[in-house]
Amino acid sequence: MALNIKTKKYYIVVASLYSPPKHNIKTERYVELLKNTEIRFIIGGDFNAKHTHWGWRLISAKGRELLETINEHKCEAISTGKPTYWPTDTEKFPDLIDFYIIKNISSNYIQIEDNLELSSDHSPIILTLSESIIQKPRNPVLVNKKTDWEGFRMTIDQRIQLSVSIQTEKLDFEVEKFINNIQQAAWENTPEIKRRLKGDYYHNEILELISEKRKAKKNGTRLERRKKKLS
């Protein structure tokens, strides 16, 4: 489903998408979805595609081909970086498969947040499009200069059981479990460093003008130096 919405400055196509997990989507199909470079659009939904680029720990074949198409057509994938799918099987880990793809819209005007009011096995994510630049905190990091590495080591020692025999069919599960243990240990032993927000979220056009001004100033300084040497 897609809608063509008129804002004060331009039209935006807003569409929803669902890609069933059983479908093996190839690059050609993603190209059909994103190939129109003349319009601004926001596509959100369940892509059933995993990639570290939009904040998850694994890369699937669909995720790899989708990211290649996103980069080729100069789009951008945005997500909360948090799980959106919560499987009922306790042997499985949550996944991040719901996100947005945007085109010709600066992410400086977009805010995305999760909604944990579960109504199904997926948690919705909310995208807000603003007419003015949205001040955002910096992206969270796994560790920082205040990480308690001794506490991290102790947490890992408590959670990892080296005496457990790993069977071949459970290897992928154990790898995911190991990665999850590392993430949890890092978060538990890393305090947040509060940063003061700066007004550095400018539109790309403004950044280009600033860059041109700096280059012109630099070239002008060089010209003045040459004149002084010649005189």
C-alpha atoms as a PDB file:
ATOM      1  CA  MET A   1       0.000   0.000   0.000  1.00  0.00           C
ATOM      2  CA  ALA A   2       1.328   3.462  -0.918  1.00  0.00           C
ATOM      3  CA  LEU A   3       0.143   7.051  -0.465  1.00  0.00           C
ATOM      4  CA  ASN A   4       1.355  10.254  -2.138  1.00  0.00           C
ATOM      5  CA  ILE A   5       1.451  12.926   0.571  1.00  0.00           C
ATOM      6  CA  LYS A   6       1.938  16.644  -0.077  1.00  0.00           C
ATOM      7  CA  THR A   7       4.019  18.657   2.393  1.00  0.00           C
ATOM      8  CA  LYS A   8       4.750  22.390   2.294  1.00  0.00           C
ATOM      9  CA  LYS A   9       7.863  21.813   0.182  1.00  0.00           C
ATOM     10  CA  TYR A  10       7.343  18.619  -1.821  1.00  0.00           C
ATOM     11  CA  TYR A  11       5.464  15.345  -2.298  1.00  0.00           C
ATOM     12  CA  ILE A  12       6.480  12.191  -0.456  1.00  0.00           C
ATOM     13  CA  VAL A  13       5.423   8.647  -1.294  1.00  0.00           C
ATOM     14  CA  VAL A  14       4.790   6.684   1.897  1.00  0.00           C
ATOM     15  CA  ALA A  15       4.464   2.913   1.516  1.00  0.00           C
ATOM     16  CA  SER A  16       4.179  -0.166   3.712  1.00  0.00           C
ATOM     17  CA  LEU A  17       5.773  -3.504   2.868  1.00  0.00           C
ATOM     18  CA  TYR A  18       5.754  -7.109   4.025  1.00  0.00           C
ATOM     19  CA  SER A  19       8.248  -9.658   2.719  1.00  0.00           C
ATOM     20  CA  PRO A  20       7.399 -13.222   3.854  1.00  0.00           C
ATOM     21  CA  PRO A  21      10.376 -15.097   5.322  1.00  0.00           C
ATOM     22  CA  LYS A  22       9.950 -18.013   2.916  1.00  0.00           C
ATOM     23  CA  HIS A  23      10.444 -15.803  -0.157  1.00  0.00           C
ATOM     24  CA  ASN A  24      14.041 -15.635  -1.379  1.00  0.00           C
ATOM     25  CA  ILE A  25      14.098 -12.080  -2.724  1.00  0.00           C
ATOM     26  CA  LYS A  26      16.867 -11.338  -5.218  1.00  0.00           C
ATOM     27  CA  THR A  27      18.539  -8.053  -6.114  1.00  0.00           C
ATOM     28  CA  GLU A  28      16.360  -7.608  -9.218  1.00  0.00           C
ATOM     29  CA  ARG A  29      13.185  -7.402  -7.121  1.00  0.00           C
ATOM     30  CA  TYR A  30      14.742  -4.889  -4.748  1.00  0.00           C
ATOM     31  CA  VAL A  31      15.821  -2.810  -7.753  1.00  0.00           C
ATOM     32  CA  GLU A  32      12.193  -2.708  -8.948  1.00  0.00           C
ATOM     33  CA  LEU A  33      11.202  -1.371  -5.542  1.00  0.00           C
ATOM     34  CA  LEU A  34      13.864   1.340  -5.238  1.00  0.00           C
ATOM     35  CA  LYS A  35      14.828   2.231  -8.814  1.00  0.00           C
ATOM     36  CA  ASN A  36      12.724   5.428  -9.110  1.00  0.00           C
ATOM     37  CA  THR A  37      15.265   8.138  -8.325  1.00  0.00           C
ATOM     38  CA  GLU A  38      12.991  11.109  -9.094  1.00  0.00           C
ATOM     39  CA  ILE A  39      10.722  10.849  -6.066  1.00  0.00           C
ATOM     40  CA  ARG A  40      11.033  11.134  -2.314  1.00  0.00           C
ATOM     41  CA  PHE A  41       9.739   8.141  -0.448  1.00  0.00           C
ATOM     42  CA  ILE A  42       9.509   6.396   2.891  1.00  0.00           C
ATOM     43  CA  ILE A  43       9.029   2.621   2.831  1.00  0.00           C
ATOM     44  CA  GLY A  44       8.464   0.905   6.152  1.00  0.00           C
ATOM     45  CA  GLY A  45       7.612  -2.619   7.138  1.00  0.00           C
ATOM     46  CA  ASP A  46       8.735  -6.161   7.802  1.00  0.00           C
ATOM     47  CA  PHE A  47      11.518  -6.853   5.301  1.00  0.00           C
ATOM     48  CA  ASN A  48      12.572 -10.156   6.912  1.00  0.00           C
ATOM     49  CA  ALA A  49      16.138  -9.158   6.028  1.00  0.00           C
ATOM     50  CA  LYS A  50      18.955  -9.059   8.575  1.00  0.00           C
ATOM     51  CA  HIS A  51      22.102  -6.949   8.417  1.00  0.00           C
ATOM     52  CA  THR A  52      24.521  -5.294  10.808  1.00  0.00           C
ATOM     53  CA  HIS A  53      24.078  -2.062   8.804  1.00  0.00           C
ATOM     54  CA  TRP A  54      20.647  -1.445  10.339  1.00  0.00           C
ATOM     55  CA  GLY A  55      21.720  -2.542  13.763  1.00  0.00           C
ATOM     56  CA  TRP A  56      21.607  -6.319  14.139  1.00  0.00           C
ATOM     57  CA  ARG A  57      24.312  -8.903  14.761  1.00  0.00           C
ATOM     58  CA  LEU A  58      23.740 -11.187  11.769  1.00  0.00           C
ATOM     59  CA  ILE A  59      23.738 -10.820   7.984  1.00  0.00           C
ATOM     60  CA  SER A  60      21.314 -12.873   5.904  1.00  0.00           C
ATOM     61  CA  ALA A  61      21.362 -13.334   2.133  1.00  0.00           C
ATOM     62  CA  LYS A  62      18.289 -11.114   1.760  1.00  0.00           C
ATOM     63  CA  GLY A  63      19.875  -8.475   3.981  1.00  0.00           C
ATOM     64  CA  ARG A  64      23.077  -8.463   1.938  1.00  0.00           C
ATOM     65  CA  GLU A  65      21.270  -8.030  -1.383  1.00  0.00           C
ATOM     66  CA  LEU A  66      18.898  -5.410   0.024  1.00  0.00           C
ATOM     67  CA  LEU A  67      21.795  -3.303   1.355  1.00  0.00           C
ATOM     68  CA  GLU A  68      23.599  -3.501  -1.999  1.00  0.00           C
ATOM     69  CA  THR A  69      20.467  -2.171  -3.714  1.00  0.00           C
ATOM     70  CA  ILE A  70      19.988   0.548  -1.073  1.00  0.00           C
ATOM     71  CA  ASN A  71      23.548   1.794  -1.593  1.00  0.00           C
ATOM     72  CA  GLU A  72      23.347   1.550  -5.377  1.00  0.00           C
ATOM     73  CA  HIS A  73      20.217   3.722  -5.505  1.00  0.00           C
ATOM     74  CA  LYS A  74      21.439   6.168  -2.849  1.00  0.00           C
ATOM     75  CA  CYS A  75      18.754   5.325  -0.334  1.00  0.00           C
ATOM     76  CA  GLU A  76      19.142   5.000   3.418  1.00  0.00           C
ATOM     77  CA  ALA A  77      17.976   2.345   5.886  1.00  0.00           C
ATOM     78  CA  ILE A  78      17.006   3.614   9.334  1.00  0.00           C
ATOM     79  CA  SER A  79      15.981   1.643  12.401  1.00  0.00           C
ATOM     80  CA  THR A  80      15.998   1.803  16.189  1.00  0.00           C
ATOM     81  CA  GLY A  81      18.834  -0.712  16.371  1.00  0.00           C
ATOM     82  CA  LYS A  82      16.677  -2.785  18.730  1.00  0.00           C
ATOM     83  CA  PRO A  83      14.727  -6.044  18.240  1.00  0.00           C
ATOM     84  CA  THR A  84      11.342  -5.813  16.544  1.00  0.00           C
ATOM     85  CA  TYR A  85      10.431  -9.516  16.281  1.00  0.00           C
ATOM     86  CA  TRP A  86       9.902 -11.619  19.402  1.00  0.00           C
ATOM     87  CA  PRO A  87       9.671 -15.373  18.627  1.00  0.00           C
ATOM     88  CA  THR A  88       7.530 -17.559  20.857  1.00  0.00           C
ATOM     89  CA  ASP A  89      10.181 -20.291  20.702  1.00  0.00           C
ATOM     90  CA  THR A  90      12.456 -19.725  23.707  1.00  0.00           C
ATOM     91  CA  GLU A  91      15.327 -21.385  21.830  1.00  0.00           C
ATOM     92  CA  LYS A  92      15.374 -18.492  19.348  1.00  0.00           C
ATOM     93  CA  PHE A  93      16.661 -14.961  19.823  1.00  0.00           C
ATOM     94  CA  PRO A  94      14.694 -11.779  18.937  1.00  0.00           C
ATOM     95  CA  ASP A  95      15.444 -10.228  15.538  1.00  0.00           C
ATOM     96  CA  LEU A  96      15.511  -6.781  13.947  1.00  0.00           C
ATOM     97  CA  ILE A  97      13.606  -7.164  10.674  1.00  0.00           C
ATOM     98  CA  ASP A  98      11.280  -4.134  10.762  1.00  0.00           C
ATOM     99  CA  PHE A  99      12.754  -0.811   9.626  1.00  0.00           C
ATOM    100  CA  TYR A 100      12.408   2.024   7.106  1.00  0.00           C
ATOM    101  CA  ILE A 101      14.066   2.855   3.798  1.00  0.00           C
ATOM    102  CA  ILE A 102      14.093   6.527   2.784  1.00  0.00           C
ATOM    103  CA  LYS A 103      15.046   8.317  -0.424  1.00  0.00           C
ATOM    104  CA  ASN A 104      15.826  12.013  -1.006  1.00  0.00           C
ATOM    105  CA  ILE A 105      14.884  12.903   2.582  1.00  0.00           C
ATOM    106  CA  SER A 106      17.535  14.064   5.018  1.00  0.00           C
ATOM    107  CA  SER A 107      17.657  11.909   8.138  1.00  0.00           C
ATOM    108  CA  ASN A 108      18.178  15.144  10.093  1.00  0.00           C
ATOM    109  CA  TYR A 109      14.420  15.711   9.789  1.00  0.00           C
ATOM    110  CA  ILE A 110      13.465  12.188  10.854  1.00  0.00           C
ATOM    111  CA  GLN A 111      13.047  10.717  14.322  1.00  0.00           C
ATOM    112  CA  ILE A 112      12.495   6.980  14.815  1.00  0.00           C
ATOM    113  CA  GLU A 113      11.518   5.283  18.084  1.00  0.00           C
ATOM    114  CA  ASP A 114      10.240   1.919  19.235  1.00  0.00           C
ATOM    115  CA  ASN A 115       6.864   1.131  20.789  1.00  0.00           C
ATOM    116  CA  LEU A 116       6.912  -1.764  23.233  1.00  0.00           C
ATOM    117  CA  GLU A 117       3.122  -2.041  23.580  1.00  0.00           C
ATOM    118  CA  LEU A 118       3.051  -5.508  22.054  1.00  0.00           C
ATOM    119  CA  SER A 119      -0.039  -6.500  20.130  1.00  0.00           C
ATOM    120  CA  SER A 120       1.642  -9.359  18.239  1.00  0.00           C
ATOM    121  CA  ASP A 121       5.061 -10.993  17.956  1.00  0.00           C
ATOM    122  CA  HIS A 122       6.303  -7.751  16.318  1.00  0.00           C
ATOM    123  CA  SER A 123       6.801  -4.459  18.146  1.00  0.00           C
ATOM    124  CA  PRO A 124       5.980  -1.391  16.010  1.00  0.00           C
ATOM    125  CA  ILE A 125       8.470   1.377  15.309  1.00  0.00           C
ATOM    126  CA  ILE A 126       7.294   4.959  14.876  1.00  0.00           C
ATOM    127  CA  LEU A 127       8.787   7.406  12.374  1.00  0.00           C
ATOM    128  CA  THR A 128       8.280  11.149  12.797  1.00  0.00           C
ATOM    129  CA  LEU A 129       8.981  13.512   9.887  1.00  0.00           C
ATOM    130  CA  SER A 130       9.589  17.106  10.974  1.00  0.00           C
ATOM    131  CA  GLU A 131       9.740  20.384   9.035  1.00  0.00           C
ATOM    132  CA  SER A 132      12.709  21.508  11.141  1.00  0.00           C
ATOM    133  CA  ILE A 133      15.963  19.778  12.068  1.00  0.00           C
ATOM    134  CA  ILE A 134      15.579  17.340  14.964  1.00  0.00           C
ATOM    135  CA  GLN A 135      18.294  17.468  17.613  1.00  0.00           C
ATOM    136  CA  LYS A 136      19.380  13.897  18.297  1.00  0.00           C
ATOM    137  CA  PRO A 137      21.677  12.240  20.819  1.00  0.00           C
ATOM    138  CA  ARG A 138      24.689  10.403  19.502  1.00  0.00           C
ATOM    139  CA  ASN A 139      24.331   6.736  18.639  1.00  0.00           C
ATOM    140  CA  PRO A 140      24.781   4.390  21.614  1.00  0.00           C
ATOM    141  CA  VAL A 141      28.028   2.450  21.819  1.00  0.00           C
ATOM    142  CA  LEU A 142      28.773  -0.978  23.255  1.00  0.00           C
ATOM    143  CA  VAL A 143      31.713   0.196  25.387  1.00  0.00           C
ATOM    144  CA  ASN A 144      33.363   3.475  26.288  1.00  0.00           C
ATOM    145  CA  LYS A 145      36.297   4.801  28.337  1.00  0.00           C
ATOM    146  CA  LYS A 146      34.416   4.080  31.586  1.00  0.00           C
ATOM    147  CA  THR A 147      33.789   0.383  30.864  1.00  0.00           C
ATOM    148  CA  ASP A 148      34.572  -1.812  33.865  1.00  0.00           C
ATOM    149  CA  TRP A 149      36.673  -4.448  32.081  1.00  0.00           C
ATOM    150  CA  GLU A 150      37.210  -6.515  35.233  1.00  0.00           C
ATOM    151  CA  GLY A 151      33.435  -6.629  35.779  1.00  0.00           C
ATOM    152  CA  PHE A 152      33.025  -7.494  32.084  1.00  0.00           C
ATOM    153  CA  ARG A 153      35.449 -10.427  32.472  1.00  0.00           C
ATOM    154  CA  MET A 154      33.670 -11.718  35.581  1.00  0.00           C
ATOM    155  CA  THR A 155      30.259 -11.481  33.885  1.00  0.00           C
ATOM    156  CA  ILE A 156      31.530 -13.446  30.877  1.00  0.00           C
ATOM    157  CA  ASP A 157      33.076 -16.098  33.160  1.00  0.00           C
ATOM    158  CA  GLN A 158      29.744 -16.558  34.937  1.00  0.00           C
ATOM    159  CA  ARG A 159      27.723 -16.962  31.734  1.00  0.00           C
ATOM    160  CA  ILE A 160      29.977 -19.076  29.547  1.00  0.00           C
ATOM    161  CA  GLN A 161      30.109 -22.810  30.246  1.00  0.00           C
ATOM    162  CA  LEU A 162      33.196 -24.227  28.568  1.00  0.00           C
ATOM    163  CA  SER A 163      32.404 -27.753  29.694  1.00  0.00           C
ATOM    164  CA  VAL A 164      29.269 -27.975  27.504  1.00  0.00           C
ATOM    165  CA  SER A 165      29.703 -30.114  24.398  1.00  0.00           C
ATOM    166  CA  ILE A 166      28.538 -28.268  21.275  1.00  0.00           C
ATOM    167  CA  GLN A 167      26.830 -30.413  18.675  1.00  0.00           C
ATOM    168  CA  THR A 168      27.120 -29.468  15.018  1.00  0.00           C
ATOM    169  CA  GLU A 169      23.389 -28.855  14.574  1.00  0.00           C
ATOM    170  CA  LYS A 170      23.426 -26.393  17.497  1.00  0.00           C
ATOM    171  CA  LEU A 171      26.536 -24.496  16.433  1.00  0.00           C
ATOM    172  CA  ASP A 172      24.655 -21.477  15.022  1.00  0.00           C
ATOM    173  CA  PHE A 173      22.541 -21.264  18.174  1.00  0.00           C
ATOM    174  CA  GLU A 174      25.612 -21.347  20.427  1.00  0.00           C
ATOM    175  CA  VAL A 175      27.354 -18.656  18.338  1.00  0.00           C
ATOM    176  CA  GLU A 176      24.315 -16.359  18.699  1.00  0.00           C
ATOM    177  CA  LYS A 177      24.209 -17.103  22.421  1.00  0.00           C
ATOM    178  CA  PHE A 178      27.919 -16.248  22.779  1.00  0.00           C
ATOM    179  CA  ILE A 179      27.477 -12.931  20.935  1.00  0.00           C
ATOM    180  CA  ASN A 180      24.450 -12.100  23.071  1.00  0.00           C
ATOM    181  CA  ASN A 181      26.437 -12.823  26.247  1.00  0.00           C
ATOM    182  CA  ILE A 182      29.192 -10.441  25.139  1.00  0.00           C
ATOM    183  CA  GLN A 183      26.668  -7.689  24.380  1.00  0.00           C
ATOM    184  CA  GLN A 184      24.874  -8.092  27.695  1.00  0.00           C
ATOM    185  CA  ALA A 185      28.146  -8.153  29.657  1.00  0.00           C
ATOM    186  CA  ALA A 186      29.325  -4.969  27.942  1.00  0.00           C
ATOM    187  CA  TRP A 187      26.034  -3.132  28.578  1.00  0.00           C
ATOM    188  CA  GLU A 188      25.951  -4.172  32.238  1.00  0.00           C
ATOM    189  CA  ASN A 189      29.498  -2.942  32.863  1.00  0.00           C
ATOM    190  CA  THR A 190      29.455   0.249  30.794  1.00  0.00           C
ATOM    191  CA  PRO A 191      27.957   3.395  32.380  1.00  0.00           C
ATOM    192  CA  GLU A 192      26.384   5.991  30.123  1.00  0.00           C
ATOM    193  CA  ILE A 193      28.418   9.101  29.379  1.00  0.00           C
ATOM    194  CA  LYS A 194      26.081  12.068  29.118  1.00  0.00           C
ATOM    195  CA  ARG A 195      26.969  14.393  26.290  1.00  0.00           C
ATOM    196  CA  ARG A 196      25.791  17.890  25.619  1.00  0.00           C
ATOM    197  CA  LEU A 197      23.944  18.058  22.339  1.00  0.00           C
ATOM    198  CA  LYS A 198      25.352  20.362  19.709  1.00  0.00           C
ATOM    199  CA  GLY A 199      23.573  21.930  16.792  1.00  0.00           C
ATOM    200  CA  ASP A 200      25.480  19.926  14.193  1.00  0.00           C
ATOM    201  CA  TYR A 201      22.521  18.292  12.462  1.00  0.00           C
ATOM    202  CA  TYR A 202      22.368  20.415   9.349  1.00  0.00           C
ATOM    203  CA  HIS A 203      20.866  19.742   5.961  1.00  0.00           C
ATOM    204  CA  ASN A 204      23.291  18.420   3.328  1.00  0.00           C
ATOM    205  CA  GLU A 205      22.908  21.597   1.246  1.00  0.00           C
ATOM    206  CA  ILE A 206      24.042  23.711   4.219  1.00  0.00           C
ATOM    207  CA  LEU A 207      27.012  21.435   4.835  1.00  0.00           C
ATOM    208  CA  GLU A 208      28.031  21.780   1.186  1.00  0.00           C
ATOM    209  CA  LEU A 209      27.848  25.599   1.414  1.00  0.00           C
ATOM    210  CA  ILE A 210      29.961  25.564   4.577  1.00  0.00           C
ATOM    211  CA  SER A 211      32.523  23.338   2.851  1.00  0.00           C
ATOM    212  CA  GLU A 212      32.654  25.653  -0.173  1.00  0.00           C
ATOM    213  CA  LYS A 213      33.096  28.686   2.080  1.00  0.00           C
ATOM    214  CA  ARG A 214      35.991  27.051   3.910  1.00  0.00           C
ATOM    215  CA  LYS A 215      37.671  26.104   0.629  1.00  0.00           C
ATOM    216  CA  ALA A 216      37.268  29.655  -0.692  1.00  0.00           C
ATOM    217  CA  LYS A 217      38.727  31.085   2.517  1.00  0.00           C
ATOM    218  CA  LYS A 218      41.640  28.660   2.345  1.00  0.00           C
ATOM    219  CA  ASN A 219      42.343  29.516  -1.297  1.00  0.00           C
ATOM    220  CA  GLY A 220      42.135  33.237  -0.469  1.00  0.00           C
ATOM    221  CA  THR A 221      44.669  32.827   2.335  1.00  0.00           C
ATOM    222  CA  ARG A 222      47.059  31.043  -0.010  1.00  0.00           C
ATOM    223  CA  LEU A 223      46.689  33.850  -2.581  1.00  0.00           C
ATOM    224  CA  GLU A 224      47.500  36.491   0.035  1.00  0.00           C
ATOM    225  CA  ARG A 225      50.633  34.592   1.051  1.00  0.00           C
ATOM    226  CA  ARG A 226      51.806  34.417  -2.570  1.00  0.00           C
ATOM    227  CA  LYS A 227      51.281  38.165  -3.010  1.00  0.00           C
ATOM    228  CA  LYS A 228      53.360  38.888   0.112  1.00  0.00           C
ATOM    229  CA  LYS A 229      56.174  36.673  -1.136  1.00  0.00           C
ATOM    230  CA  LEU A 230      56.194  38.387  -4.533  1.00  0.00           C
ATOM    231  CA  SER A 231      56.229  41.830  -2.949  1.00  0.00           C
END
